[in-house]
Amino acid sequence: MAADSNCLALLKNYRSLIPLAQEARKPIFFLKAADGALGGHESAVRAAFSDFKALAEQIAARTDVSLK
């Protein structure tokens, strides 16, 4: 990311969360245990939330948009 000044974020492939999110009809970062996000999936959901939050913050900063 440091080498490319236009790179906003690097997102992992959350492949194992996609079927759960599709079944629950929710974004991957809003999945709960009731949706099947248990064990390792639970930590992947938290990581996805952090990754997408960082991406949103980068977009907001570059476009002078307040997230508050």
C-alpha atoms as a PDB file:
ATOM      1  CA  MET A   1       0.000   0.000   0.000  1.00  0.00           C
ATOM      2  CA  ALA A   2       2.866   2.415   0.739  1.00  0.00           C
ATOM      3  CA  ALA A   3       4.178   2.053  -2.819  1.00  0.00           C
ATOM      4  CA  ASP A   4       0.856   3.080  -4.423  1.00  0.00           C
ATOM      5  CA  SER A   5      -0.428   6.478  -3.329  1.00  0.00           C
ATOM      6  CA  ASN A   6      -3.817   5.693  -4.920  1.00  0.00           C
ATOM      7  CA  CYS A   7      -4.378   2.516  -2.919  1.00  0.00           C
ATOM      8  CA  LEU A   8      -7.161   3.035  -0.389  1.00  0.00           C
ATOM      9  CA  ALA A   9      -6.992  -0.335   1.396  1.00  0.00           C
ATOM     10  CA  LEU A  10      -6.059  -3.972   1.028  1.00  0.00           C
ATOM     11  CA  LEU A  11      -9.001  -6.255   1.711  1.00  0.00           C
ATOM     12  CA  LYS A  12      -8.729  -9.957   2.445  1.00  0.00           C
ATOM     13  CA  ASN A  13     -10.785 -12.514   0.606  1.00  0.00           C
ATOM     14  CA  TYR A  14     -13.502 -13.311   3.138  1.00  0.00           C
ATOM     15  CA  ARG A  15     -14.616 -16.272   1.044  1.00  0.00           C
ATOM     16  CA  SER A  16     -15.856 -18.361   3.980  1.00  0.00           C
ATOM     17  CA  LEU A  17     -18.158 -15.543   5.123  1.00  0.00           C
ATOM     18  CA  ILE A  18     -19.815 -14.952   1.750  1.00  0.00           C
ATOM     19  CA  PRO A  19     -22.252 -17.910   1.908  1.00  0.00           C
ATOM     20  CA  LEU A  20     -23.219 -16.983   5.476  1.00  0.00           C
ATOM     21  CA  ALA A  21     -23.824 -13.368   4.470  1.00  0.00           C
ATOM     22  CA  GLN A  22     -25.863 -14.395   1.439  1.00  0.00           C
ATOM     23  CA  GLU A  23     -28.011 -16.723   3.528  1.00  0.00           C
ATOM     24  CA  ALA A  24     -28.557 -14.067   6.214  1.00  0.00           C
ATOM     25  CA  ARG A  25     -28.946 -11.295   3.599  1.00  0.00           C
ATOM     26  CA  LYS A  26     -26.472  -9.134   5.502  1.00  0.00           C
ATOM     27  CA  PRO A  27     -23.071  -7.604   4.812  1.00  0.00           C
ATOM     28  CA  ILE A  28     -20.267  -9.877   6.031  1.00  0.00           C
ATOM     29  CA  PHE A  29     -19.292  -7.378   8.734  1.00  0.00           C
ATOM     30  CA  PHE A  30     -22.783  -7.516  10.342  1.00  0.00           C
ATOM     31  CA  LEU A  31     -22.972 -11.304  10.753  1.00  0.00           C
ATOM     32  CA  LYS A  32     -23.762 -12.624  14.233  1.00  0.00           C
ATOM     33  CA  ALA A  33     -23.498 -16.039  15.878  1.00  0.00           C
ATOM     34  CA  ALA A  34     -27.184 -16.598  15.103  1.00  0.00           C
ATOM     35  CA  ASP A  35     -26.282 -16.309  11.409  1.00  0.00           C
ATOM     36  CA  GLY A  36     -23.678 -19.067  11.758  1.00  0.00           C
ATOM     37  CA  ALA A  37     -20.612 -16.887  12.365  1.00  0.00           C
ATOM     38  CA  LEU A  38     -19.100 -19.004  15.133  1.00  0.00           C
ATOM     39  CA  GLY A  39     -15.505 -19.684  16.162  1.00  0.00           C
ATOM     40  CA  GLY A  40     -13.047 -18.591  13.493  1.00  0.00           C
ATOM     41  CA  HIS A  41     -15.845 -16.966  11.538  1.00  0.00           C
ATOM     42  CA  GLU A  42     -16.537 -14.655  14.466  1.00  0.00           C
ATOM     43  CA  SER A  43     -13.013 -13.255  14.393  1.00  0.00           C
ATOM     44  CA  ALA A  44     -13.171 -12.959  10.589  1.00  0.00           C
ATOM     45  CA  VAL A  45     -16.353 -10.868  10.946  1.00  0.00           C
ATOM     46  CA  ARG A  46     -14.559  -8.520  13.351  1.00  0.00           C
ATOM     47  CA  ALA A  47     -11.600  -8.265  10.981  1.00  0.00           C
ATOM     48  CA  ALA A  48     -13.911  -7.541   8.036  1.00  0.00           C
ATOM     49  CA  PHE A  49     -15.614  -4.800  10.028  1.00  0.00           C
ATOM     50  CA  SER A  50     -12.245  -3.213  10.836  1.00  0.00           C
ATOM     51  CA  ASP A  51     -11.052  -3.487   7.235  1.00  0.00           C
ATOM     52  CA  PHE A  52     -14.185  -1.941   5.741  1.00  0.00           C
ATOM     53  CA  LYS A  53     -14.246   0.784   8.404  1.00  0.00           C
ATOM     54  CA  ALA A  54     -10.656   1.721   7.524  1.00  0.00           C
ATOM     55  CA  LEU A  55     -11.608   1.794   3.834  1.00  0.00           C
ATOM     56  CA  ALA A  56     -14.593   4.073   4.540  1.00  0.00           C
ATOM     57  CA  GLU A  57     -12.374   6.367   6.604  1.00  0.00           C
ATOM     58  CA  GLN A  58      -9.831   6.594   3.754  1.00  0.00           C
ATOM     59  CA  ILE A  59     -12.547   7.426   1.239  1.00  0.00           C
ATOM     60  CA  ALA A  60     -14.037  10.035   3.581  1.00  0.00           C
ATOM     61  CA  ALA A  61     -10.659  11.627   4.233  1.00  0.00           C
ATOM     62  CA  ARG A  62      -9.816  11.880   0.546  1.00  0.00           C
ATOM     63  CA  THR A  63     -13.216  13.340  -0.337  1.00  0.00           C
ATOM     64  CA  ASP A  64     -13.464  15.709   2.649  1.00  0.00           C
ATOM     65  CA  VAL A  65     -16.585  13.986   3.953  1.00  0.00           C
ATOM     66  CA  SER A  66     -17.246  13.799   7.684  1.00  0.00           C
ATOM     67  CA  LEU A  67     -18.228  10.395   9.093  1.00  0.00           C
ATOM     68  CA  LYS A  68     -19.546  11.860  12.329  1.00  0.00           C
END
